[in-house]
Amino acid sequence: MQLDHKHLVLRAEVSDCPAEDSLHEILDWMKTLIKKIDMKLLAGPYTTYVNEKGNKGMTSVAIIETSHIALHIWDETNPGLMQLDVYSCADFFTQ
């Protein structure tokens, strides 16, 4: 059996970055994304905020049956930076 790996990486500069108090919103967004791309959640999602100067922002990760989803948000820069990483052996593109 040959696995067909899929790796989606999105990078976006945003003027209105989610802030530290948006942890629950990001957590809900990750859960919705997992459902929309028809993945089976195995662990998480886990969302936390890093308050270290030069690296301030949010990270959210989830383990899915076929790999992982990670979202990183840096809100200290202007514009803010968001990067989404979805890796899977299953199809995750929907119509």
C-alpha atoms as a PDB file:
ATOM      1  CA  MET A   1       0.000   0.000   0.000  1.00  0.00           C
ATOM      2  CA  GLN A   2       1.327   3.430  -0.947  1.00  0.00           C
ATOM      3  CA  LEU A   3       0.322   6.400   1.178  1.00  0.00           C
ATOM      4  CA  ASP A   4      -0.608   9.618  -0.561  1.00  0.00           C
ATOM      5  CA  HIS A   5       0.592  12.341   1.811  1.00  0.00           C
ATOM      6  CA  LYS A   6      -1.043  15.768   1.700  1.00  0.00           C
ATOM      7  CA  HIS A   7       0.491  18.821   3.310  1.00  0.00           C
ATOM      8  CA  LEU A   8      -1.272  22.177   3.307  1.00  0.00           C
ATOM      9  CA  VAL A   9       0.591  25.187   4.679  1.00  0.00           C
ATOM     10  CA  LEU A  10      -1.086  28.590   4.712  1.00  0.00           C
ATOM     11  CA  ARG A  11       0.632  31.819   5.735  1.00  0.00           C
ATOM     12  CA  ALA A  12      -1.343  35.035   6.188  1.00  0.00           C
ATOM     13  CA  GLU A  13      -0.476  38.504   7.356  1.00  0.00           C
ATOM     14  CA  VAL A  14      -3.499  39.903   9.180  1.00  0.00           C
ATOM     15  CA  SER A  15      -4.357  43.348  10.497  1.00  0.00           C
ATOM     16  CA  ASP A  16      -6.729  42.058  13.204  1.00  0.00           C
ATOM     17  CA  CYS A  17      -4.999  39.142  14.913  1.00  0.00           C
ATOM     18  CA  PRO A  18      -6.798  37.119  17.576  1.00  0.00           C
ATOM     19  CA  ALA A  19      -5.511  38.206  20.986  1.00  0.00           C
ATOM     20  CA  GLU A  20      -4.660  36.279  24.139  1.00  0.00           C
ATOM     21  CA  ASP A  21      -8.277  36.443  25.323  1.00  0.00           C
ATOM     22  CA  SER A  22      -9.423  34.597  22.151  1.00  0.00           C
ATOM     23  CA  LEU A  23      -8.209  31.151  23.222  1.00  0.00           C
ATOM     24  CA  HIS A  24     -11.730  29.676  23.325  1.00  0.00           C
ATOM     25  CA  GLU A  25     -12.590  31.121  19.907  1.00  0.00           C
ATOM     26  CA  ILE A  26      -9.476  29.561  18.368  1.00  0.00           C
ATOM     27  CA  LEU A  27     -10.230  26.254  20.087  1.00  0.00           C
ATOM     28  CA  ASP A  28     -13.755  26.278  18.635  1.00  0.00           C
ATOM     29  CA  TRP A  29     -12.388  27.243  15.196  1.00  0.00           C
ATOM     30  CA  MET A  30      -9.997  24.265  15.243  1.00  0.00           C
ATOM     31  CA  LYS A  31     -12.847  21.889  16.181  1.00  0.00           C
ATOM     32  CA  THR A  32     -14.970  23.273  13.347  1.00  0.00           C
ATOM     33  CA  LEU A  33     -12.109  22.930  10.859  1.00  0.00           C
ATOM     34  CA  ILE A  34     -11.579  19.295  11.841  1.00  0.00           C
ATOM     35  CA  LYS A  35     -15.264  18.551  11.239  1.00  0.00           C
ATOM     36  CA  LYS A  36     -15.363  20.460   7.939  1.00  0.00           C
ATOM     37  CA  ILE A  37     -12.422  18.526   6.493  1.00  0.00           C
ATOM     38  CA  ASP A  38     -13.938  15.269   7.737  1.00  0.00           C
ATOM     39  CA  MET A  39     -11.099  14.207  10.016  1.00  0.00           C
ATOM     40  CA  LYS A  40     -11.259  12.027  13.100  1.00  0.00           C
ATOM     41  CA  LEU A  41      -9.933  13.785  16.203  1.00  0.00           C
ATOM     42  CA  LEU A  42      -7.653  11.647  18.395  1.00  0.00           C
ATOM     43  CA  ALA A  43      -6.312  14.253  20.847  1.00  0.00           C
ATOM     44  CA  GLY A  44      -6.884  17.930  21.498  1.00  0.00           C
ATOM     45  CA  PRO A  45      -7.198  20.429  20.190  1.00  0.00           C
ATOM     46  CA  TYR A  46      -4.976  22.184  22.682  1.00  0.00           C
ATOM     47  CA  THR A  47      -4.602  25.952  22.560  1.00  0.00           C
ATOM     48  CA  THR A  48      -2.231  28.092  24.584  1.00  0.00           C
ATOM     49  CA  TYR A  49      -0.727  31.565  24.596  1.00  0.00           C
ATOM     50  CA  VAL A  50       3.009  32.291  24.757  1.00  0.00           C
ATOM     51  CA  ASN A  51       3.824  35.589  26.431  1.00  0.00           C
ATOM     52  CA  GLU A  52       7.545  35.695  25.608  1.00  0.00           C
ATOM     53  CA  LYS A  53       8.777  38.975  24.119  1.00  0.00           C
ATOM     54  CA  GLY A  54       9.659  38.483  20.480  1.00  0.00           C
ATOM     55  CA  ASN A  55       7.504  35.352  20.224  1.00  0.00           C
ATOM     56  CA  LYS A  56       4.141  36.421  21.653  1.00  0.00           C
ATOM     57  CA  GLY A  57       1.147  34.641  20.278  1.00  0.00           C
ATOM     58  CA  MET A  58      -1.084  31.620  20.227  1.00  0.00           C
ATOM     59  CA  THR A  59      -0.539  28.018  19.236  1.00  0.00           C
ATOM     60  CA  SER A  60      -3.244  25.430  18.705  1.00  0.00           C
ATOM     61  CA  VAL A  61      -2.574  21.804  17.822  1.00  0.00           C
ATOM     62  CA  ALA A  62      -4.683  18.702  17.252  1.00  0.00           C
ATOM     63  CA  ILE A  63      -3.797  15.090  16.582  1.00  0.00           C
ATOM     64  CA  ILE A  64      -6.016  13.653  13.868  1.00  0.00           C
ATOM     65  CA  GLU A  65      -6.280  10.007  12.897  1.00  0.00           C
ATOM     66  CA  THR A  66      -3.946  10.433   9.971  1.00  0.00           C
ATOM     67  CA  SER A  67      -1.542  13.070  11.354  1.00  0.00           C
ATOM     68  CA  HIS A  68      -1.862  16.628  12.710  1.00  0.00           C
ATOM     69  CA  ILE A  69      -3.176  20.178  12.429  1.00  0.00           C
ATOM     70  CA  ALA A  70      -1.267  23.148  13.859  1.00  0.00           C
ATOM     71  CA  LEU A  71      -2.142  26.841  13.936  1.00  0.00           C
ATOM     72  CA  HIS A  72       0.346  29.481  15.035  1.00  0.00           C
ATOM     73  CA  ILE A  73      -0.553  33.138  15.521  1.00  0.00           C
ATOM     74  CA  TRP A  74       1.976  35.866  16.262  1.00  0.00           C
ATOM     75  CA  ASP A  75       0.136  38.986  17.439  1.00  0.00           C
ATOM     76  CA  GLU A  76       3.151  41.054  18.450  1.00  0.00           C
ATOM     77  CA  THR A  77       4.068  42.040  14.898  1.00  0.00           C
ATOM     78  CA  ASN A  78       2.230  44.496  12.688  1.00  0.00           C
ATOM     79  CA  PRO A  79       0.663  43.072  10.656  1.00  0.00           C
ATOM     80  CA  GLY A  80       0.111  39.945  12.692  1.00  0.00           C
ATOM     81  CA  LEU A  81       1.107  36.588  11.249  1.00  0.00           C
ATOM     82  CA  MET A  82      -0.930  33.388  11.122  1.00  0.00           C
ATOM     83  CA  GLN A  83       0.300  30.037   9.822  1.00  0.00           C
ATOM     84  CA  LEU A  84      -1.844  26.922   9.454  1.00  0.00           C
ATOM     85  CA  ASP A  85      -0.346  23.485   8.853  1.00  0.00           C
ATOM     86  CA  VAL A  86      -2.548  20.503   7.953  1.00  0.00           C
ATOM     87  CA  TYR A  87      -0.803  17.204   7.269  1.00  0.00           C
ATOM     88  CA  SER A  88      -2.646  13.997   6.456  1.00  0.00           C
ATOM     89  CA  CYS A  89      -2.608  10.744   4.527  1.00  0.00           C
ATOM     90  CA  ALA A  90      -6.361  11.104   3.991  1.00  0.00           C
ATOM     91  CA  ASP A  91      -8.169  13.461   1.648  1.00  0.00           C
ATOM     92  CA  PHE A  92      -9.153  16.653   3.421  1.00  0.00           C
ATOM     93  CA  PHE A  93     -10.262  18.949   0.629  1.00  0.00           C
ATOM     94  CA  THR A  94     -13.998  19.514   0.586  1.00  0.00           C
ATOM     95  CA  GLN A  95     -16.228  20.998  -2.047  1.00  0.00           C
END
